[in-house]
Amino acid sequence: MPHSDQQIGKVYYLSARKVHLFGIQDEAVREQINYVLDENELLGKGPNSTLSLVFDGIKLLNKGEKHLKITCDNAGGQNKNNTTLWFYLYLVIAGYYESIELNFMILGHTKFKCDGSFGLIKKLYRKTTVDCVDHVVNVVKKSSIAGLNKARRYNDRNGFQYFDIINGLETYFKKLPGLQKFQHFIFTNANPGIIKAQEIANGTFQEFKLLKINKFTANKILEKIKALTFSILVPPPMKYERQDYLYQNIRPFVKDEYKNITCPKPIIK
């Protein structure tokens, strides 16, 4: 931001205020939740940020289903990591689902349903004047005539919250050796703490026990996981230097009524 279909040339060489999108689509009802994240609402890269959004999306989209099938890309820092495996183990242990199937796309096949919805958003965005985050939200909502794209904001924790999932789960689970070579995983509440991993479709499943327990402590540990409450995390404030850059360089290109929203005067907290 700002953005216009008649974009001012000077803005091209500047670092305007950024807005990030994260999408979760429920293919059964053709509905995608698009998390519209302002630059100062980012927790940072890594599984805590991604899984907090996934957790929120699951709770919003679930209508009582007991079996979840989820597909995501291979980004190691955000999706394909041990914390993600622990998270889905947690979901079946805590009773959110009876079984979960987790699939990662193979190299060369990196586009899927979410990207199609993002394409609709981009198409409308390119011909829309955008001066603030609320304008981006409107673009998301209006991008699909059928109402496919929904928008969700952080709104100072009033929309959703970020959780410290890493520290919450690493006490109870251990890492999976050779994680990156596997593409498909199955989690069930019938075998809590155990995952089945598959390298290729229709290949042989290997079984791994990731719960840090022995037969004498299993029930106690599982009860602790069921009662687990994740600590809340808050995004760090925007650095003063970045605030000043936006104020000095980007503010002149924002419409007057939105200048103090998108590029306010810098403050130190």
Foldseek 3Di string as FASTA:
>chain_A
DFAALPDDPVCVPPDAWDWDWDWDADVVVLAIEIETETPQQDQDWAQLRQVQVVVVVLVVPDPPAAEEEDEDEDPDRHAQFQLNVLVVLLCQLLPVHQKYKYFYDDPPPHDDDVVVLVVLLVVQRSHDGHFASVVSQVSQQPSDPVRRGHYFYCVVVPGGFGFPSVVQRPVFWDGDPPSSQFGMKMHGNVDRQKIWTHRDPPGDTDIDRTTPDDPVCVVVSSVCSNVGDTDTDGRDGDDQVVLVSCQVPVLVVHPPVCSCPRRNHGDDD
